[in-house]
Amino acid sequence: MKKDVFRYNSCPAYRSMAILGSKWKPIIIYMLRERKARFGQLHAAIGTISKKVLTDMLKELETDGVLLREEFKELPPRVEYSLTEKGSTLVPIIVQLARWDNMHYESLTTTVS
């Protein structure tokens, strides 16, 4: 319900944050920027996310049309996640955030010490 308040708001920043408004979603998108990945691969690459939270974030990104979840009917069953066309348009924005962080990371670590 609370997310719907953001999703249907007239402000584009509110609507964008309804989709990206967690610390994990941009990281998941960044991890999928160049390839498909299975759940275990994403979990291992991110490392600090719980399996439950990763599952929830993947479901939300799929619902929002950012991710595609592809099931393969084989033994053992396999599922791969990839970015949709809509999700791919977020990659340059997230890469730019990563560049911004790289430019300012040293100044952040020297001021914290």
PDB file of N, CA and C in Angstrom:
ATOM      1  N   MET A   1       0.822  -1.197   0.000  1.00  0.00           N
ATOM      2  CA  MET A   1       0.000   0.000   0.000  1.00  0.00           C
ATOM      3  C   MET A   1       0.863   1.257   0.000  1.00  0.00           C
ATOM      4  N   LYS A   2       1.844   1.312   0.922  1.00  0.00           N
ATOM      5  CA  LYS A   2       2.694   2.484   1.010  1.00  0.00           C
ATOM      6  C   LYS A   2       3.465   2.713  -0.295  1.00  0.00           C
ATOM      7  N   LYS A   3       3.915   1.614  -0.932  1.00  0.00           N
ATOM      8  CA  LYS A   3       4.639   1.733  -2.184  1.00  0.00           C
ATOM      9  C   LYS A   3       3.748   2.316  -3.274  1.00  0.00           C
ATOM     10  N   ASP A   4       2.453   2.001  -3.259  1.00  0.00           N
ATOM     11  CA  ASP A   4       1.527   2.540  -4.247  1.00  0.00           C
ATOM     12  C   ASP A   4       1.403   4.053  -4.144  1.00  0.00           C
ATOM     13  N   VAL A   5       1.540   4.599  -2.952  1.00  0.00           N
ATOM     14  CA  VAL A   5       1.502   6.049  -2.774  1.00  0.00           C
ATOM     15  C   VAL A   5       2.632   6.684  -3.580  1.00  0.00           C
ATOM     16  N   PHE A   6       3.810   6.068  -3.553  1.00  0.00           N
ATOM     17  CA  PHE A   6       4.942   6.565  -4.325  1.00  0.00           C
ATOM     18  C   PHE A   6       4.744   6.312  -5.816  1.00  0.00           C
ATOM     19  N   ARG A   7       4.277   5.112  -6.168  1.00  0.00           N
ATOM     20  CA  ARG A   7       4.157   4.710  -7.571  1.00  0.00           C
ATOM     21  C   ARG A   7       3.208   5.618  -8.348  1.00  0.00           C
ATOM     22  N   TYR A   8       2.138   6.078  -7.714  1.00  0.00           N
ATOM     23  CA  TYR A   8       1.135   6.874  -8.414  1.00  0.00           C
ATOM     24  C   TYR A   8       1.229   8.358  -8.092  1.00  0.00           C
ATOM     25  N   ASN A   9       2.326   8.779  -7.509  1.00  0.00           N
ATOM     26  CA  ASN A   9       2.555  10.180  -7.212  1.00  0.00           C
ATOM     27  C   ASN A   9       2.864  10.928  -8.506  1.00  0.00           C
ATOM     28  N   SER A  10       2.601  12.221  -8.532  1.00  0.00           N
ATOM     29  CA  SER A  10       2.879  13.009  -9.735  1.00  0.00           C
ATOM     30  C   SER A  10       4.362  13.351  -9.881  1.00  0.00           C
ATOM     31  N   CYS A  11       5.148  13.149  -8.846  1.00  0.00           N
ATOM     32  CA  CYS A  11       6.576  13.480  -8.883  1.00  0.00           C
ATOM     33  C   CYS A  11       7.376  12.309  -9.465  1.00  0.00           C
ATOM     34  N   PRO A  12       8.164  12.530 -10.524  1.00  0.00           N
ATOM     35  CA  PRO A  12       8.930  11.437 -11.118  1.00  0.00           C
ATOM     36  C   PRO A  12       9.984  10.850 -10.170  1.00  0.00           C
ATOM     37  N   ALA A  13      10.515  11.653  -9.265  1.00  0.00           N
ATOM     38  CA  ALA A  13      11.487  11.128  -8.299  1.00  0.00           C
ATOM     39  C   ALA A  13      10.817  10.127  -7.353  1.00  0.00           C
ATOM     40  N   TYR A  14       9.610  10.418  -6.936  1.00  0.00           N
ATOM     41  CA  TYR A  14       8.859   9.488  -6.088  1.00  0.00           C
ATOM     42  C   TYR A  14       8.628   8.174  -6.828  1.00  0.00           C
ATOM     43  N   ARG A  15       8.184   8.287  -8.096  1.00  0.00           N
ATOM     44  CA  ARG A  15       7.885   7.077  -8.871  1.00  0.00           C
ATOM     45  C   ARG A  15       9.146   6.249  -9.097  1.00  0.00           C
ATOM     46  N   SER A  16      10.261   6.900  -9.383  1.00  0.00           N
ATOM     47  CA  SER A  16      11.521   6.180  -9.588  1.00  0.00           C
ATOM     48  C   SER A  16      11.961   5.476  -8.319  1.00  0.00           C
ATOM     49  N   MET A  17      11.837   6.147  -7.201  1.00  0.00           N
ATOM     50  CA  MET A  17      12.264   5.556  -5.937  1.00  0.00           C
ATOM     51  C   MET A  17      11.326   4.437  -5.497  1.00  0.00           C
ATOM     52  N   ALA A  18      10.101   4.423  -5.995  1.00  0.00           N
ATOM     53  CA  ALA A  18       9.204   3.301  -5.709  1.00  0.00           C
ATOM     54  C   ALA A  18       9.770   2.020  -6.312  1.00  0.00           C
ATOM     55  N   ILE A  19      10.490   2.148  -7.426  1.00  0.00           N
ATOM     56  CA  ILE A  19      11.099   0.990  -8.066  1.00  0.00           C
ATOM     57  C   ILE A  19      12.487   0.716  -7.497  1.00  0.00           C
ATOM     58  N   LEU A  20      13.287   1.737  -7.288  1.00  0.00           N
ATOM     59  CA  LEU A  20      14.691   1.553  -6.888  1.00  0.00           C
ATOM     60  C   LEU A  20      14.960   1.809  -5.418  1.00  0.00           C
ATOM     61  N   GLY A  21      13.928   2.083  -4.638  1.00  0.00           N
ATOM     62  CA  GLY A  21      14.093   2.564  -3.282  1.00  0.00           C
ATOM     63  C   GLY A  21      14.552   1.580  -2.240  1.00  0.00           C
ATOM     64  N   SER A  22      15.542   0.780  -2.522  1.00  0.00           N
ATOM     65  CA  SER A  22      16.178  -0.044  -1.502  1.00  0.00           C
ATOM     66  C   SER A  22      17.662  -0.069  -1.807  1.00  0.00           C
ATOM     67  N   LYS A  23      18.455  -0.389  -0.832  1.00  0.00           N
ATOM     68  CA  LYS A  23      19.897  -0.410  -1.102  1.00  0.00           C
ATOM     69  C   LYS A  23      20.293  -1.579  -1.992  1.00  0.00           C
ATOM     70  N   TRP A  24      19.451  -2.608  -2.067  1.00  0.00           N
ATOM     71  CA  TRP A  24      19.813  -3.817  -2.806  1.00  0.00           C
ATOM     72  C   TRP A  24      19.452  -3.770  -4.280  1.00  0.00           C
ATOM     73  N   LYS A  25      18.385  -3.109  -4.641  1.00  0.00           N
ATOM     74  CA  LYS A  25      17.923  -3.151  -6.024  1.00  0.00           C
ATOM     75  C   LYS A  25      18.937  -2.579  -7.010  1.00  0.00           C
ATOM     76  N   PRO A  26      19.541  -1.419  -6.751  1.00  0.00           N
ATOM     77  CA  PRO A  26      20.571  -0.946  -7.689  1.00  0.00           C
ATOM     78  C   PRO A  26      21.772  -1.900  -7.782  1.00  0.00           C
ATOM     79  N   ILE A  27      22.107  -2.555  -6.684  1.00  0.00           N
ATOM     80  CA  ILE A  27      23.220  -3.507  -6.694  1.00  0.00           C
ATOM     81  C   ILE A  27      22.860  -4.712  -7.558  1.00  0.00           C
ATOM     82  N   ILE A  28      21.650  -5.212  -7.441  1.00  0.00           N
ATOM     83  CA  ILE A  28      21.205  -6.339  -8.258  1.00  0.00           C
ATOM     84  C   ILE A  28      21.242  -5.955  -9.738  1.00  0.00           C
ATOM     85  N   ILE A  29      20.741  -4.781 -10.062  1.00  0.00           N
ATOM     86  CA  ILE A  29      20.759  -4.314 -11.453  1.00  0.00           C
ATOM     87  C   ILE A  29      22.190  -4.197 -11.955  1.00  0.00           C
ATOM     88  N   TYR A  30      23.075  -3.677 -11.120  1.00  0.00           N
ATOM     89  CA  TYR A  30      24.487  -3.543 -11.490  1.00  0.00           C
ATOM     90  C   TYR A  30      25.099  -4.916 -11.762  1.00  0.00           C
ATOM     91  N   MET A  31      24.773  -5.901 -10.942  1.00  0.00           N
ATOM     92  CA  MET A  31      25.309  -7.255 -11.117  1.00  0.00           C
ATOM     93  C   MET A  31      24.807  -7.898 -12.417  1.00  0.00           C
ATOM     94  N   LEU A  32      23.612  -7.529 -12.847  1.00  0.00           N
ATOM     95  CA  LEU A  32      23.026  -8.115 -14.055  1.00  0.00           C
ATOM     96  C   LEU A  32      23.254  -7.270 -15.304  1.00  0.00           C
ATOM     97  N   ARG A  33      24.078  -6.244 -15.198  1.00  0.00           N
ATOM     98  CA  ARG A  33      24.238  -5.305 -16.302  1.00  0.00           C
ATOM     99  C   ARG A  33      24.812  -5.933 -17.566  1.00  0.00           C
ATOM    100  N   GLU A  34      25.628  -6.983 -17.438  1.00  0.00           N
ATOM    101  CA  GLU A  34      26.294  -7.551 -18.612  1.00  0.00           C
ATOM    102  C   GLU A  34      25.949  -9.013 -18.864  1.00  0.00           C
ATOM    103  N   ARG A  35      25.188  -9.635 -17.962  1.00  0.00           N
ATOM    104  CA  ARG A  35      24.943 -11.070 -18.144  1.00  0.00           C
ATOM    105  C   ARG A  35      23.716 -11.512 -17.374  1.00  0.00           C
ATOM    106  N   LYS A  36      23.278 -12.734 -17.700  1.00  0.00           N
ATOM    107  CA  LYS A  36      22.231 -13.393 -16.934  1.00  0.00           C
ATOM    108  C   LYS A  36      22.900 -14.035 -15.717  1.00  0.00           C
ATOM    109  N   ALA A  37      22.121 -14.275 -14.673  1.00  0.00           N
ATOM    110  CA  ALA A  37      22.675 -14.946 -13.492  1.00  0.00           C
ATOM    111  C   ALA A  37      21.590 -15.750 -12.805  1.00  0.00           C
ATOM    112  N   ARG A  38      22.005 -16.793 -12.152  1.00  0.00           N
ATOM    113  CA  ARG A  38      21.114 -17.604 -11.345  1.00  0.00           C
ATOM    114  C   ARG A  38      21.090 -17.038  -9.932  1.00  0.00           C
ATOM    115  N   PHE A  39      20.105 -17.476  -9.156  1.00  0.00           N
ATOM    116  CA  PHE A  39      19.933 -16.976  -7.788  1.00  0.00           C
ATOM    117  C   PHE A  39      21.219 -17.139  -6.977  1.00  0.00           C
ATOM    118  N   GLY A  40      21.795 -18.328  -6.997  1.00  0.00           N
ATOM    119  CA  GLY A  40      23.004 -18.600  -6.214  1.00  0.00           C
ATOM    120  C   GLY A  40      24.175 -17.738  -6.637  1.00  0.00           C
ATOM    121  N   GLN A  41      24.279 -17.447  -7.931  1.00  0.00           N
ATOM    122  CA  GLN A  41      25.351 -16.588  -8.419  1.00  0.00           C
ATOM    123  C   GLN A  41      25.177 -15.165  -7.913  1.00  0.00           C
ATOM    124  N   LEU A  42      23.940 -14.679  -7.930  1.00  0.00           N
ATOM    125  CA  LEU A  42      23.671 -13.329  -7.411  1.00  0.00           C
ATOM    126  C   LEU A  42      23.960 -13.272  -5.916  1.00  0.00           C
ATOM    127  N   HIS A  43      23.504 -14.281  -5.192  1.00  0.00           N
ATOM    128  CA  HIS A  43      23.708 -14.310  -3.746  1.00  0.00           C
ATOM    129  C   HIS A  43      25.199 -14.316  -3.415  1.00  0.00           C
ATOM    130  N   ALA A  44      25.975 -15.108  -4.133  1.00  0.00           N
ATOM    131  CA  ALA A  44      27.418 -15.181  -3.892  1.00  0.00           C
ATOM    132  C   ALA A  44      28.111 -13.872  -4.270  1.00  0.00           C
ATOM    133  N   ALA A  45      27.687 -13.256  -5.365  1.00  0.00           N
ATOM    134  CA  ALA A  45      28.321 -12.015  -5.822  1.00  0.00           C
ATOM    135  C   ALA A  45      28.052 -10.861  -4.873  1.00  0.00           C
ATOM    136  N   ILE A  46      26.842 -10.788  -4.349  1.00  0.00           N
ATOM    137  CA  ILE A  46      26.495  -9.693  -3.431  1.00  0.00           C
ATOM    138  C   ILE A  46      27.032  -9.990  -2.041  1.00  0.00           C
ATOM    139  N   GLY A  47      26.909 -11.217  -1.607  1.00  0.00           N
ATOM    140  CA  GLY A  47      27.527 -11.650  -0.362  1.00  0.00           C
ATOM    141  C   GLY A  47      26.796 -11.307   0.911  1.00  0.00           C
ATOM    142  N   THR A  48      26.494 -10.060   1.136  1.00  0.00           N
ATOM    143  CA  THR A  48      25.949  -9.641   2.431  1.00  0.00           C
ATOM    144  C   THR A  48      24.426  -9.598   2.482  1.00  0.00           C
ATOM    145  N   ILE A  49      23.762 -10.013   1.425  1.00  0.00           N
ATOM    146  CA  ILE A  49      22.302  -9.992   1.396  1.00  0.00           C
ATOM    147  C   ILE A  49      21.777 -11.362   1.831  1.00  0.00           C
ATOM    148  N   SER A  50      20.699 -11.364   2.598  1.00  0.00           N
ATOM    149  CA  SER A  50      20.109 -12.643   2.994  1.00  0.00           C
ATOM    150  C   SER A  50      19.333 -13.225   1.812  1.00  0.00           C
ATOM    151  N   LYS A  51      19.127 -14.519   1.836  1.00  0.00           N
ATOM    152  CA  LYS A  51      18.393 -15.178   0.754  1.00  0.00           C
ATOM    153  C   LYS A  51      16.955 -14.688   0.682  1.00  0.00           C
ATOM    154  N   LYS A  52      16.347 -14.437   1.833  1.00  0.00           N
ATOM    155  CA  LYS A  52      14.967 -13.944   1.852  1.00  0.00           C
ATOM    156  C   LYS A  52      14.867 -12.556   1.226  1.00  0.00           C
ATOM    157  N   VAL A  53      15.774 -11.678   1.605  1.00  0.00           N
ATOM    158  CA  VAL A  53      15.742 -10.316   1.056  1.00  0.00           C
ATOM    159  C   VAL A  53      16.018 -10.350  -0.442  1.00  0.00           C
ATOM    160  N   LEU A  54      16.994 -11.158  -0.872  1.00  0.00           N
ATOM    161  CA  LEU A  54      17.276 -11.270  -2.303  1.00  0.00           C
ATOM    162  C   LEU A  54      16.041 -11.774  -3.053  1.00  0.00           C
ATOM    163  N   THR A  55      15.382 -12.775  -2.520  1.00  0.00           N
ATOM    164  CA  THR A  55      14.158 -13.297  -3.132  1.00  0.00           C
ATOM    165  C   THR A  55      13.105 -12.200  -3.244  1.00  0.00           C
ATOM    166  N   ASP A  56      12.900 -11.447  -2.175  1.00  0.00           N
ATOM    167  CA  ASP A  56      11.907 -10.360  -2.186  1.00  0.00           C
ATOM    168  C   ASP A  56      12.265  -9.289  -3.215  1.00  0.00           C
ATOM    169  N   MET A  57      13.537  -8.905  -3.268  1.00  0.00           N
ATOM    170  CA  MET A  57      13.973  -7.859  -4.201  1.00  0.00           C
ATOM    171  C   MET A  57      13.812  -8.325  -5.650  1.00  0.00           C
ATOM    172  N   LEU A  58      14.159  -9.571  -5.926  1.00  0.00           N
ATOM    173  CA  LEU A  58      14.001 -10.105  -7.279  1.00  0.00           C
ATOM    174  C   LEU A  58      12.535 -10.125  -7.694  1.00  0.00           C
ATOM    175  N   LYS A  59      11.653 -10.519  -6.777  1.00  0.00           N
ATOM    176  CA  LYS A  59      10.218 -10.529  -7.080  1.00  0.00           C
ATOM    177  C   LYS A  59       9.710  -9.123  -7.364  1.00  0.00           C
ATOM    178  N   GLU A  60      10.134  -8.151  -6.558  1.00  0.00           N
ATOM    179  CA  GLU A  60       9.684  -6.772  -6.766  1.00  0.00           C
ATOM    180  C   GLU A  60      10.202  -6.218  -8.090  1.00  0.00           C
ATOM    181  N   LEU A  61      11.469  -6.484  -8.408  1.00  0.00           N
ATOM    182  CA  LEU A  61      12.015  -5.995  -9.671  1.00  0.00           C
ATOM    183  C   LEU A  61      11.336  -6.654 -10.860  1.00  0.00           C
ATOM    184  N   GLU A  62      10.969  -7.918 -10.714  1.00  0.00           N
ATOM    185  CA  GLU A  62      10.228  -8.605 -11.778  1.00  0.00           C
ATOM    186  C   GLU A  62       8.834  -7.988 -11.938  1.00  0.00           C
ATOM    187  N   THR A  63       8.153  -7.752 -10.825  1.00  0.00           N
ATOM    188  CA  THR A  63       6.821  -7.139 -10.850  1.00  0.00           C
ATOM    189  C   THR A  63       6.859  -5.754 -11.502  1.00  0.00           C
ATOM    190  N   ASP A  64       7.938  -5.011 -11.251  1.00  0.00           N
ATOM    191  CA  ASP A  64       8.076  -3.665 -11.808  1.00  0.00           C
ATOM    192  C   ASP A  64       8.570  -3.667 -13.252  1.00  0.00           C
ATOM    193  N   GLY A  65       8.810  -4.847 -13.819  1.00  0.00           N
ATOM    194  CA  GLY A  65       9.214  -4.931 -15.215  1.00  0.00           C
ATOM    195  C   GLY A  65      10.681  -4.643 -15.464  1.00  0.00           C
ATOM    196  N   VAL A  66      11.497  -4.701 -14.421  1.00  0.00           N
ATOM    197  CA  VAL A  66      12.931  -4.419 -14.540  1.00  0.00           C
ATOM    198  C   VAL A  66      13.713  -5.704 -14.831  1.00  0.00           C
ATOM    199  N   LEU A  67      13.264  -6.807 -14.252  1.00  0.00           N
ATOM    200  CA  LEU A  67      13.931  -8.100 -14.422  1.00  0.00           C
ATOM    201  C   LEU A  67      13.029  -9.084 -15.143  1.00  0.00           C
ATOM    202  N   LEU A  68      13.688 -10.000 -15.838  1.00  0.00           N
ATOM    203  CA  LEU A  68      13.012 -11.131 -16.444  1.00  0.00           C
ATOM    204  C   LEU A  68      13.468 -12.386 -15.715  1.00  0.00           C
ATOM    205  N   ARG A  69      12.517 -13.186 -15.273  1.00  0.00           N
ATOM    206  CA  ARG A  69      12.804 -14.457 -14.603  1.00  0.00           C
ATOM    207  C   ARG A  69      12.458 -15.559 -15.581  1.00  0.00           C
ATOM    208  N   GLU A  70      13.479 -16.305 -15.991  1.00  0.00           N
ATOM    209  CA  GLU A  70      13.296 -17.347 -16.987  1.00  0.00           C
ATOM    210  C   GLU A  70      13.489 -18.716 -16.348  1.00  0.00           C
ATOM    211  N   GLU A  71      12.434 -19.520 -16.387  1.00  0.00           N
ATOM    212  CA  GLU A  71      12.487 -20.872 -15.820  1.00  0.00           C
ATOM    213  C   GLU A  71      12.782 -21.873 -16.922  1.00  0.00           C
ATOM    214  N   PHE A  72      13.676 -22.810 -16.617  1.00  0.00           N
ATOM    215  CA  PHE A  72      14.015 -23.871 -17.552  1.00  0.00           C
ATOM    216  C   PHE A  72      13.473 -25.184 -17.000  1.00  0.00           C
ATOM    217  N   LYS A  73      12.702 -25.870 -17.803  1.00  0.00           N
ATOM    218  CA  LYS A  73      12.091 -27.135 -17.391  1.00  0.00           C
ATOM    219  C   LYS A  73      13.080 -28.274 -17.630  1.00  0.00           C
ATOM    220  N   GLU A  74      14.001 -28.416 -16.712  1.00  0.00           N
ATOM    221  CA  GLU A  74      14.998 -29.475 -16.791  1.00  0.00           C
ATOM    222  C   GLU A  74      15.275 -29.980 -15.390  1.00  0.00           C
ATOM    223  N   LEU A  75      16.010 -31.038 -15.294  1.00  0.00           N
ATOM    224  CA  LEU A  75      16.370 -31.596 -13.980  1.00  0.00           C
ATOM    225  C   LEU A  75      17.852 -31.415 -13.744  1.00  0.00           C
ATOM    226  N   PRO A  76      18.255 -30.802 -12.677  1.00  0.00           N
ATOM    227  CA  PRO A  76      17.417 -30.070 -11.725  1.00  0.00           C
ATOM    228  C   PRO A  76      16.887 -28.775 -12.345  1.00  0.00           C
ATOM    229  N   PRO A  77      15.765 -28.272 -11.813  1.00  0.00           N
ATOM    230  CA  PRO A  77      15.192 -27.033 -12.352  1.00  0.00           C
ATOM    231  C   PRO A  77      16.189 -25.879 -12.256  1.00  0.00           C
ATOM    232  N   ARG A  78      16.126 -25.001 -13.233  1.00  0.00           N
ATOM    233  CA  ARG A  78      17.052 -23.873 -13.282  1.00  0.00           C
ATOM    234  C   ARG A  78      16.269 -22.605 -13.579  1.00  0.00           C
ATOM    235  N   VAL A  79      16.659 -21.502 -12.919  1.00  0.00           N
ATOM    236  CA  VAL A  79      16.049 -20.187 -13.140  1.00  0.00           C
ATOM    237  C   VAL A  79      17.169 -19.193 -13.367  1.00  0.00           C
ATOM    238  N   GLU A  80      17.011 -18.360 -14.395  1.00  0.00           N
ATOM    239  CA  GLU A  80      17.987 -17.307 -14.665  1.00  0.00           C
ATOM    240  C   GLU A  80      17.290 -15.947 -14.641  1.00  0.00           C
ATOM    241  N   TYR A  81      18.011 -14.967 -14.162  1.00  0.00           N
ATOM    242  CA  TYR A  81      17.509 -13.598 -14.113  1.00  0.00           C
ATOM    243  C   TYR A  81      18.322 -12.742 -15.074  1.00  0.00           C
ATOM    244  N   SER A  82      17.633 -11.853 -15.755  1.00  0.00           N
ATOM    245  CA  SER A  82      18.292 -10.907 -16.652  1.00  0.00           C
ATOM    246  C   SER A  82      17.495  -9.612 -16.643  1.00  0.00           C
ATOM    247  N   LEU A  83      18.100  -8.571 -17.162  1.00  0.00           N
ATOM    248  CA  LEU A  83      17.415  -7.280 -17.239  1.00  0.00           C
ATOM    249  C   LEU A  83      16.497  -7.250 -18.448  1.00  0.00           C
ATOM    250  N   THR A  84      15.361  -6.642 -18.282  1.00  0.00           N
ATOM    251  CA  THR A  84      14.474  -6.383 -19.407  1.00  0.00           C
ATOM    252  C   THR A  84      15.003  -5.146 -20.137  1.00  0.00           C
ATOM    253  N   GLU A  85      14.349  -4.792 -21.214  1.00  0.00           N
ATOM    254  CA  GLU A  85      14.733  -3.566 -21.922  1.00  0.00           C
ATOM    255  C   GLU A  85      14.591  -2.362 -20.991  1.00  0.00           C
ATOM    256  N   LYS A  86      13.522  -2.346 -20.222  1.00  0.00           N
ATOM    257  CA  LYS A  86      13.302  -1.266 -19.246  1.00  0.00           C
ATOM    258  C   LYS A  86      14.429  -1.254 -18.216  1.00  0.00           C
ATOM    259  N   GLY A  87      14.807  -2.431 -17.720  1.00  0.00           N
ATOM    260  CA  GLY A  87      15.879  -2.526 -16.733  1.00  0.00           C
ATOM    261  C   GLY A  87      17.224  -2.099 -17.300  1.00  0.00           C
ATOM    262  N   SER A  88      17.461  -2.414 -18.564  1.00  0.00           N
ATOM    263  CA  SER A  88      18.725  -2.043 -19.211  1.00  0.00           C
ATOM    264  C   SER A  88      18.906  -0.529 -19.290  1.00  0.00           C
ATOM    265  N   THR A  89      17.797   0.213 -19.343  1.00  0.00           N
ATOM    266  CA  THR A  89      17.918   1.676 -19.402  1.00  0.00           C
ATOM    267  C   THR A  89      18.386   2.264 -18.079  1.00  0.00           C
ATOM    268  N   LEU A  90      18.329   1.477 -17.001  1.00  0.00           N
ATOM    269  CA  LEU A  90      18.827   1.937 -15.705  1.00  0.00           C
ATOM    270  C   LEU A  90      20.337   1.763 -15.560  1.00  0.00           C
ATOM    271  N   VAL A  91      20.932   0.908 -16.375  1.00  0.00           N
ATOM    272  CA  VAL A  91      22.357   0.590 -16.241  1.00  0.00           C
ATOM    273  C   VAL A  91      23.246   1.831 -16.336  1.00  0.00           C
ATOM    274  N   PRO A  92      23.080   2.716 -17.346  1.00  0.00           N
ATOM    275  CA  PRO A  92      23.961   3.889 -17.395  1.00  0.00           C
ATOM    276  C   PRO A  92      23.864   4.771 -16.148  1.00  0.00           C
ATOM    277  N   ILE A  93      22.687   4.856 -15.576  1.00  0.00           N
ATOM    278  CA  ILE A  93      22.496   5.662 -14.368  1.00  0.00           C
ATOM    279  C   ILE A  93      23.247   5.044 -13.196  1.00  0.00           C
ATOM    280  N   ILE A  94      23.143   3.740 -13.043  1.00  0.00           N
ATOM    281  CA  ILE A  94      23.794   3.056 -11.933  1.00  0.00           C
ATOM    282  C   ILE A  94      25.301   3.018 -12.131  1.00  0.00           C
ATOM    283  N   VAL A  95      25.755   2.859 -13.370  1.00  0.00           N
ATOM    284  CA  VAL A  95      27.195   2.917 -13.653  1.00  0.00           C
ATOM    285  C   VAL A  95      27.729   4.310 -13.327  1.00  0.00           C
ATOM    286  N   GLN A  96      26.964   5.331 -13.649  1.00  0.00           N
ATOM    287  CA  GLN A  96      27.390   6.702 -13.323  1.00  0.00           C
ATOM    288  C   GLN A  96      27.488   6.893 -11.809  1.00  0.00           C
ATOM    289  N   LEU A  97      26.560   6.315 -11.053  1.00  0.00           N
ATOM    290  CA  LEU A  97      26.661   6.358  -9.586  1.00  0.00           C
ATOM    291  C   LEU A  97      27.925   5.667  -9.102  1.00  0.00           C
ATOM    292  N   ALA A  98      28.260   4.533  -9.714  1.00  0.00           N
ATOM    293  CA  ALA A  98      29.489   3.827  -9.344  1.00  0.00           C
ATOM    294  C   ALA A  98      30.717   4.674  -9.656  1.00  0.00           C
ATOM    295  N   ARG A  99      30.713   5.358 -10.789  1.00  0.00           N
ATOM    296  CA  ARG A  99      31.834   6.261 -11.132  1.00  0.00           C
ATOM    297  C   ARG A  99      31.932   7.407 -10.125  1.00  0.00           C
ATOM    298  N   TRP A 100      30.795   7.963  -9.772  1.00  0.00           N
ATOM    299  CA  TRP A 100      30.782   9.039  -8.775  1.00  0.00           C
ATOM    300  C   TRP A 100      31.402   8.556  -7.469  1.00  0.00           C
ATOM    301  N   ASP A 101      31.016   7.345  -7.037  1.00  0.00           N
ATOM    302  CA  ASP A 101      31.574   6.782  -5.819  1.00  0.00           C
ATOM    303  C   ASP A 101      33.085   6.600  -5.942  1.00  0.00           C
ATOM    304  N   ASN A 102      33.545   6.083  -7.082  1.00  0.00           N
ATOM    305  CA  ASN A 102      34.980   5.887  -7.282  1.00  0.00           C
ATOM    306  C   ASN A 102      35.743   7.204  -7.209  1.00  0.00           C
ATOM    307  N   MET A 103      35.155   8.284  -7.707  1.00  0.00           N
ATOM    308  CA  MET A 103      35.812   9.593  -7.658  1.00  0.00           C
ATOM    309  C   MET A 103      35.918  10.113  -6.234  1.00  0.00           C
ATOM    310  N   HIS A 104      34.948   9.798  -5.392  1.00  0.00           N
ATOM    311  CA  HIS A 104      34.882  10.393  -4.066  1.00  0.00           C
ATOM    312  C   HIS A 104      35.180   9.420  -2.933  1.00  0.00           C
ATOM    313  N   TYR A 105      35.459   8.172  -3.235  1.00  0.00           N
ATOM    314  CA  TYR A 105      35.679   7.165  -2.197  1.00  0.00           C
ATOM    315  C   TYR A 105      36.858   7.513  -1.307  1.00  0.00           C
ATOM    316  N   GLU A 106      37.972   7.926  -1.905  1.00  0.00           N
ATOM    317  CA  GLU A 106      39.157   8.261  -1.101  1.00  0.00           C
ATOM    318  C   GLU A 106      38.883   9.405  -0.148  1.00  0.00           C
ATOM    319  N   SER A 107      38.200  10.427  -0.612  1.00  0.00           N
ATOM    320  CA  SER A 107      37.923  11.574   0.264  1.00  0.00           C
ATOM    321  C   SER A 107      36.997  11.162   1.407  1.00  0.00           C
ATOM    322  N   LEU A 108      36.115  10.218   1.161  1.00  0.00           N
ATOM    323  CA  LEU A 108      35.226   9.741   2.203  1.00  0.00           C
ATOM    324  C   LEU A 108      36.010   8.971   3.267  1.00  0.00           C
ATOM    325  N   THR A 109      36.917   8.097   2.861  1.00  0.00           N
ATOM    326  CA  THR A 109      37.660   7.276   3.820  1.00  0.00           C
ATOM    327  C   THR A 109      38.657   8.118   4.614  1.00  0.00           C
ATOM    328  N   THR A 110      39.175   9.192   4.031  1.00  0.00           N
ATOM    329  CA  THR A 110      40.124  10.015   4.788  1.00  0.00           C
ATOM    330  C   THR A 110      39.416  10.917   5.790  1.00  0.00           C
ATOM    331  N   THR A 111      38.171  11.301   5.526  1.00  0.00           N
ATOM    332  CA  THR A 111      37.452  12.153   6.476  1.00  0.00           C
ATOM    333  C   THR A 111      36.860  11.343   7.626  1.00  0.00           C
ATOM    334  N   VAL A 112      36.617  10.071   7.413  1.00  0.00           N
ATOM    335  CA  VAL A 112      36.026   9.224   8.466  1.00  0.00           C
ATOM    336  C   VAL A 112      37.083   8.841   9.494  1.00  0.00           C
ATOM    337  N   SER A 113      38.302   8.636   9.082  1.00  0.00           N
ATOM    338  CA  SER A 113      39.368   8.178   9.983  1.00  0.00           C
ATOM    339  C   SER A 113      39.660   9.136  11.101  1.00  0.00           C
TER     340      SER A 113
END
